[in-house]
PDB file of all heavy atoms in Angstrom:
ATOM      1  N   ILE A   1      10.158   1.453   6.099  1.00  0.00           N
ATOM      2  CA  ILE A   1      10.884   2.027   4.966  1.00  0.00           C
ATOM      3  C   ILE A   1      10.355   3.426   4.651  1.00  0.00           C
ATOM      4  O   ILE A   1      11.031   4.242   4.029  1.00  0.00           O
ATOM      5  CB  ILE A   1      10.798   1.105   3.731  1.00  0.00           C
ATOM      6  CG1 ILE A   1      11.847   1.495   2.685  1.00  0.00           C
ATOM      7  CG2 ILE A   1       9.390   1.089   3.164  1.00  0.00           C
ATOM      8  CD1 ILE A   1      11.973   0.524   1.531  1.00  0.00           C
ATOM      9  N   LYS A   2       9.159   3.725   5.114  1.00  0.00           N
ATOM     10  CA  LYS A   2       8.578   5.056   4.887  1.00  0.00           C
ATOM     11  C   LYS A   2       9.365   6.162   5.590  1.00  0.00           C
ATOM     12  O   LYS A   2       9.198   7.340   5.285  1.00  0.00           O
ATOM     13  CB  LYS A   2       7.124   5.087   5.364  1.00  0.00           C
ATOM     14  CG  LYS A   2       6.950   4.893   6.859  1.00  0.00           C
ATOM     15  CD  LYS A   2       5.477   4.819   7.239  1.00  0.00           C
ATOM     16  CE  LYS A   2       5.300   4.548   8.728  1.00  0.00           C
ATOM     17  NZ  LYS A   2       3.871   4.392   9.094  1.00  0.00           N
ATOM     18  N   LYS A   3      10.251   5.773   6.518  1.00  0.00           N
ATOM     19  CA  LYS A   3      11.075   6.760   7.223  1.00  0.00           C
ATOM     20  C   LYS A   3      12.216   7.292   6.351  1.00  0.00           C
ATOM     21  O   LYS A   3      12.823   8.308   6.696  1.00  0.00           O
ATOM     22  CB  LYS A   3      11.655   6.149   8.498  1.00  0.00           C
ATOM     23  CG  LYS A   3      10.607   5.757   9.534  1.00  0.00           C
ATOM     24  CD  LYS A   3      11.256   5.113  10.739  1.00  0.00           C
ATOM     25  CE  LYS A   3      10.231   4.704  11.778  1.00  0.00           C
ATOM     26  NZ  LYS A   3      10.868   4.012  12.939  1.00  0.00           N
ATOM     27  N   LEU A   4      12.513   6.604   5.248  1.00  0.00           N
ATOM     28  CA  LEU A   4      13.605   7.031   4.362  1.00  0.00           C
ATOM     29  C   LEU A   4      13.091   8.140   3.444  1.00  0.00           C
ATOM     30  O   LEU A   4      12.880   7.947   2.246  1.00  0.00           O
ATOM     31  CB  LEU A   4      14.135   5.851   3.561  1.00  0.00           C
ATOM     32  CG  LEU A   4      14.700   4.683   4.371  1.00  0.00           C
ATOM     33  CD1 LEU A   4      15.147   3.562   3.444  1.00  0.00           C
ATOM     34  CD2 LEU A   4      15.861   5.143   5.242  1.00  0.00           C
ATOM     35  N   ARG A   5      12.896   9.305   3.982  1.00  0.00           N
ATOM     36  CA  ARG A   5      12.216  10.408   3.298  1.00  0.00           C
ATOM     37  C   ARG A   5      12.979  10.948   2.102  1.00  0.00           C
ATOM     38  O   ARG A   5      12.414  11.655   1.271  1.00  0.00           O
ATOM     39  CB  ARG A   5      11.958  11.545   4.293  1.00  0.00           C
ATOM     40  CG  ARG A   5      10.975  11.192   5.408  1.00  0.00           C
ATOM     41  CD  ARG A   5       9.589  11.003   4.849  1.00  0.00           C
ATOM     42  NE  ARG A   5       8.606  10.786   5.907  1.00  0.00           N
ATOM     43  CZ  ARG A   5       7.315  10.602   5.683  1.00  0.00           C
ATOM     44  NH1 ARG A   5       6.870  10.600   4.437  1.00  0.00           N
ATOM     45  NH2 ARG A   5       6.479  10.414   6.668  1.00  0.00           N
ATOM     46  N   GLN A   6      14.278  10.647   1.995  1.00  0.00           N
ATOM     47  CA  GLN A   6      15.086  11.137   0.874  1.00  0.00           C
ATOM     48  C   GLN A   6      15.244  10.098  -0.241  1.00  0.00           C
ATOM     49  O   GLN A   6      15.887  10.369  -1.251  1.00  0.00           O
ATOM     50  CB  GLN A   6      16.484  11.555   1.372  1.00  0.00           C
ATOM     51  CG  GLN A   6      16.485  12.564   2.510  1.00  0.00           C
ATOM     52  CD  GLN A   6      15.876  13.884   2.096  1.00  0.00           C
ATOM     53  OE1 GLN A   6      16.084  14.353   0.976  1.00  0.00           O
ATOM     54  NE2 GLN A   6      15.119  14.496   2.992  1.00  0.00           N
ATOM     55  N   LEU A   7      14.669   8.910  -0.061  1.00  0.00           N
ATOM     56  CA  LEU A   7      14.909   7.812  -0.989  1.00  0.00           C
ATOM     57  C   LEU A   7      14.287   8.092  -2.356  1.00  0.00           C
ATOM     58  O   LEU A   7      13.078   8.302  -2.472  1.00  0.00           O
ATOM     59  CB  LEU A   7      14.349   6.502  -0.420  1.00  0.00           C
ATOM     60  CG  LEU A   7      14.821   5.218  -1.104  1.00  0.00           C
ATOM     61  CD1 LEU A   7      16.314   5.027  -0.916  1.00  0.00           C
ATOM     62  CD2 LEU A   7      14.057   4.015  -0.568  1.00  0.00           C
ATOM     63  N   GLU A   8      15.120   8.079  -3.387  1.00  0.00           N
ATOM     64  CA  GLU A   8      14.672   8.338  -4.756  1.00  0.00           C
ATOM     65  C   GLU A   8      14.855   7.141  -5.675  1.00  0.00           C
ATOM     66  O   GLU A   8      14.131   7.001  -6.651  1.00  0.00           O
ATOM     67  CB  GLU A   8      15.435   9.537  -5.337  1.00  0.00           C
ATOM     68  CG  GLU A   8      15.162  10.849  -4.606  1.00  0.00           C
ATOM     69  CD  GLU A   8      15.889  12.018  -5.237  1.00  0.00           C
ATOM     70  OE1 GLU A   8      16.782  11.778  -6.089  1.00  0.00           O
ATOM     71  OE2 GLU A   8      15.575  13.167  -4.890  1.00  0.00           O
ATOM     72  N   ILE A   9      15.824   6.274  -5.363  1.00  0.00           N
ATOM     73  CA  ILE A   9      16.119   5.115  -6.204  1.00  0.00           C
ATOM     74  C   ILE A   9      16.056   3.855  -5.337  1.00  0.00           C
ATOM     75  O   ILE A   9      16.746   3.763  -4.321  1.00  0.00           O
ATOM     76  CB  ILE A   9      17.512   5.238  -6.856  1.00  0.00           C
ATOM     77  CG1 ILE A   9      17.578   6.479  -7.753  1.00  0.00           C
ATOM     78  CG2 ILE A   9      17.851   3.988  -7.647  1.00  0.00           C
ATOM     79  CD1 ILE A   9      18.959   6.768  -8.303  1.00  0.00           C
ATOM     80  N   LEU A  10      15.218   2.908  -5.744  1.00  0.00           N
ATOM     81  CA  LEU A  10      15.067   1.660  -5.001  1.00  0.00           C
ATOM     82  C   LEU A  10      15.054   0.501  -5.978  1.00  0.00           C
ATOM     83  O   LEU A  10      14.217   0.433  -6.880  1.00  0.00           O
ATOM     84  CB  LEU A  10      13.768   1.676  -4.186  1.00  0.00           C
ATOM     85  CG  LEU A  10      13.444   0.394  -3.411  1.00  0.00           C
ATOM     86  CD1 LEU A  10      14.519   0.099  -2.361  1.00  0.00           C
ATOM     87  CD2 LEU A  10      12.070   0.492  -2.746  1.00  0.00           C
ATOM     88  N   ASN A  11      15.993  -0.428  -5.793  1.00  0.00           N
ATOM     89  CA  ASN A  11      16.071  -1.630  -6.615  1.00  0.00           C
ATOM     90  C   ASN A  11      15.849  -2.844  -5.724  1.00  0.00           C
ATOM     91  O   ASN A  11      16.688  -3.155  -4.871  1.00  0.00           O
ATOM     92  CB  ASN A  11      17.429  -1.713  -7.318  1.00  0.00           C
ATOM     93  CG  ASN A  11      17.489  -2.864  -8.321  1.00  0.00           C
ATOM     94  OD1 ASN A  11      16.574  -3.685  -8.410  1.00  0.00           O
ATOM     95  ND2 ASN A  11      18.574  -2.934  -9.065  1.00  0.00           N
ATOM     96  N   ILE A  12      14.708  -3.505  -5.906  1.00  0.00           N
ATOM     97  CA  ILE A  12      14.383  -4.685  -5.096  1.00  0.00           C
ATOM     98  C   ILE A  12      14.111  -5.901  -5.988  1.00  0.00           C
ATOM     99  O   ILE A  12      13.508  -6.880  -5.539  1.00  0.00           O
ATOM    100  CB  ILE A  12      13.172  -4.425  -4.174  1.00  0.00           C
ATOM    101  CG1 ILE A  12      11.979  -3.918  -4.983  1.00  0.00           C
ATOM    102  CG2 ILE A  12      13.528  -3.434  -3.080  1.00  0.00           C
ATOM    103  CD1 ILE A  12      10.721  -3.698  -4.159  1.00  0.00           C
ATOM    104  N   GLU A  13      14.556  -5.850  -7.231  1.00  0.00           N
ATOM    105  CA  GLU A  13      14.277  -6.959  -8.145  1.00  0.00           C
ATOM    106  C   GLU A  13      15.014  -8.230  -7.704  1.00  0.00           C
ATOM    107  O   GLU A  13      16.003  -8.181  -6.973  1.00  0.00           O
ATOM    108  CB  GLU A  13      14.665  -6.590  -9.576  1.00  0.00           C
ATOM    109  CG  GLU A  13      16.144  -6.451  -9.830  1.00  0.00           C
ATOM    110  CD  GLU A  13      16.452  -6.258 -11.308  1.00  0.00           C
ATOM    111  OE1 GLU A  13      15.761  -6.871 -12.143  1.00  0.00           O
ATOM    112  OE2 GLU A  13      17.384  -5.506 -11.624  1.00  0.00           O
ATOM    113  N   GLY A  14      14.483  -9.369  -8.156  1.00  0.00           N
ATOM    114  CA  GLY A  14      15.134 -10.643  -7.881  1.00  0.00           C
ATOM    115  C   GLY A  14      15.030 -11.102  -6.443  1.00  0.00           C
ATOM    116  O   GLY A  14      15.867 -11.880  -5.987  1.00  0.00           O
ATOM    117  N   ASN A  15      14.004 -10.652  -5.717  1.00  0.00           N
ATOM    118  CA  ASN A  15      13.771 -11.117  -4.347  1.00  0.00           C
ATOM    119  C   ASN A  15      12.499 -11.963  -4.300  1.00  0.00           C
ATOM    120  O   ASN A  15      11.898 -12.271  -5.321  1.00  0.00           O
ATOM    121  CB  ASN A  15      13.697  -9.925  -3.394  1.00  0.00           C
ATOM    122  CG  ASN A  15      15.077  -9.422  -2.995  1.00  0.00           C
ATOM    123  OD1 ASN A  15      15.783 -10.038  -2.212  1.00  0.00           O
ATOM    124  ND2 ASN A  15      15.468  -8.288  -3.566  1.00  0.00           N
ATOM    125  N   GLN A  16      12.077 -12.336  -3.103  1.00  0.00           N
ATOM    126  CA  GLN A  16      10.911 -13.211  -2.929  1.00  0.00           C
ATOM    127  C   GLN A  16       9.639 -12.419  -2.627  1.00  0.00           C
ATOM    128  O   GLN A  16       8.681 -12.963  -2.091  1.00  0.00           O
ATOM    129  CB  GLN A  16      11.181 -14.190  -1.773  1.00  0.00           C
ATOM    130  CG  GLN A  16      12.475 -14.962  -1.879  1.00  0.00           C
ATOM    131  CD  GLN A  16      12.499 -15.899  -3.068  1.00  0.00           C
ATOM    132  OE1 GLN A  16      11.513 -16.575  -3.348  1.00  0.00           O
ATOM    133  NE2 GLN A  16      13.598 -15.939  -3.780  1.00  0.00           N
ATOM    134  N   LEU A  17       9.621 -11.144  -2.947  1.00  0.00           N
ATOM    135  CA  LEU A  17       8.493 -10.281  -2.609  1.00  0.00           C
ATOM    136  C   LEU A  17       7.293 -10.559  -3.501  1.00  0.00           C
ATOM    137  O   LEU A  17       7.418 -10.633  -4.715  1.00  0.00           O
ATOM    138  CB  LEU A  17       8.899  -8.814  -2.749  1.00  0.00           C
ATOM    139  CG  LEU A  17      10.001  -8.335  -1.797  1.00  0.00           C
ATOM    140  CD1 LEU A  17      10.557  -7.005  -2.279  1.00  0.00           C
ATOM    141  CD2 LEU A  17       9.465  -8.215  -0.386  1.00  0.00           C
ATOM    142  N   SER A  18       6.104 -10.675  -2.891  1.00  0.00           N
ATOM    143  CA  SER A  18       4.877 -10.823  -3.672  1.00  0.00           C
ATOM    144  C   SER A  18       4.012  -9.566  -3.598  1.00  0.00           C
ATOM    145  O   SER A  18       3.019  -9.453  -4.316  1.00  0.00           O
ATOM    146  CB  SER A  18       4.085 -12.039  -3.198  1.00  0.00           C
ATOM    147  OG  SER A  18       3.854 -11.969  -1.808  1.00  0.00           O
ATOM    148  N   ALA A  19       4.371  -8.620  -2.725  1.00  0.00           N
ATOM    149  CA  ALA A  19       3.706  -7.318  -2.636  1.00  0.00           C
ATOM    150  C   ALA A  19       4.680  -6.344  -1.995  1.00  0.00           C
ATOM    151  O   ALA A  19       5.691  -6.744  -1.406  1.00  0.00           O
ATOM    152  CB  ALA A  19       2.412  -7.411  -1.824  1.00  0.00           C
ATOM    153  N   LEU A  20       4.383  -5.070  -2.113  1.00  0.00           N
ATOM    154  CA  LEU A  20       5.267  -4.027  -1.608  1.00  0.00           C
ATOM    155  C   LEU A  20       4.702  -3.425  -0.328  1.00  0.00           C
ATOM    156  O   LEU A  20       3.484  -3.390  -0.132  1.00  0.00           O
ATOM    157  CB  LEU A  20       5.416  -2.927  -2.666  1.00  0.00           C
ATOM    158  CG  LEU A  20       5.914  -3.378  -4.038  1.00  0.00           C
ATOM    159  CD1 LEU A  20       5.848  -2.227  -5.031  1.00  0.00           C
ATOM    160  CD2 LEU A  20       7.320  -3.924  -3.938  1.00  0.00           C
ATOM    161  N   PRO A  21       5.575  -2.921   0.546  1.00  0.00           N
ATOM    162  CA  PRO A  21       5.073  -2.276   1.766  1.00  0.00           C
ATOM    163  C   PRO A  21       4.365  -0.967   1.430  1.00  0.00           C
ATOM    164  O   PRO A  21       4.813  -0.208   0.568  1.00  0.00           O
ATOM    165  CB  PRO A  21       6.345  -2.032   2.585  1.00  0.00           C
ATOM    166  CG  PRO A  21       7.447  -1.988   1.594  1.00  0.00           C
ATOM    167  CD  PRO A  21       7.046  -2.922   0.495  1.00  0.00           C
ATOM    168  N   SER A  22       3.273  -0.706   2.098  1.00  0.00           N
ATOM    169  CA  SER A  22       2.486   0.494   1.804  1.00  0.00           C
ATOM    170  C   SER A  22       3.270   1.767   2.085  1.00  0.00           C
ATOM    171  O   SER A  22       2.955   2.827   1.529  1.00  0.00           O
ATOM    172  CB  SER A  22       1.192   0.491   2.626  1.00  0.00           C
ATOM    173  OG  SER A  22       1.479   0.437   4.028  1.00  0.00           O
ATOM    174  N   GLY A  23       4.307   1.691   2.916  1.00  0.00           N
ATOM    175  CA  GLY A  23       5.115   2.863   3.224  1.00  0.00           C
ATOM    176  C   GLY A  23       5.795   3.467   2.007  1.00  0.00           C
ATOM    177  O   GLY A  23       6.141   4.653   2.008  1.00  0.00           O
ATOM    178  N   LEU A  24       5.964   2.657   0.945  1.00  0.00           N
ATOM    179  CA  LEU A  24       6.584   3.185  -0.275  1.00  0.00           C
ATOM    180  C   LEU A  24       5.748   4.297  -0.895  1.00  0.00           C
ATOM    181  O   LEU A  24       6.263   5.166  -1.589  1.00  0.00           O
ATOM    182  CB  LEU A  24       6.767   2.069  -1.312  1.00  0.00           C
ATOM    183  CG  LEU A  24       7.854   1.038  -1.072  1.00  0.00           C
ATOM    184  CD1 LEU A  24       7.962   0.112  -2.279  1.00  0.00           C
ATOM    185  CD2 LEU A  24       9.203   1.690  -0.815  1.00  0.00           C
TER     186      LEU A  24
END
């Protein structure tokens, strides 16, 4: 996901994630 160099808005709520990728 770190390749998305233009990403400004990210909505990941309501998923099964317990941690975020360091690429953020």
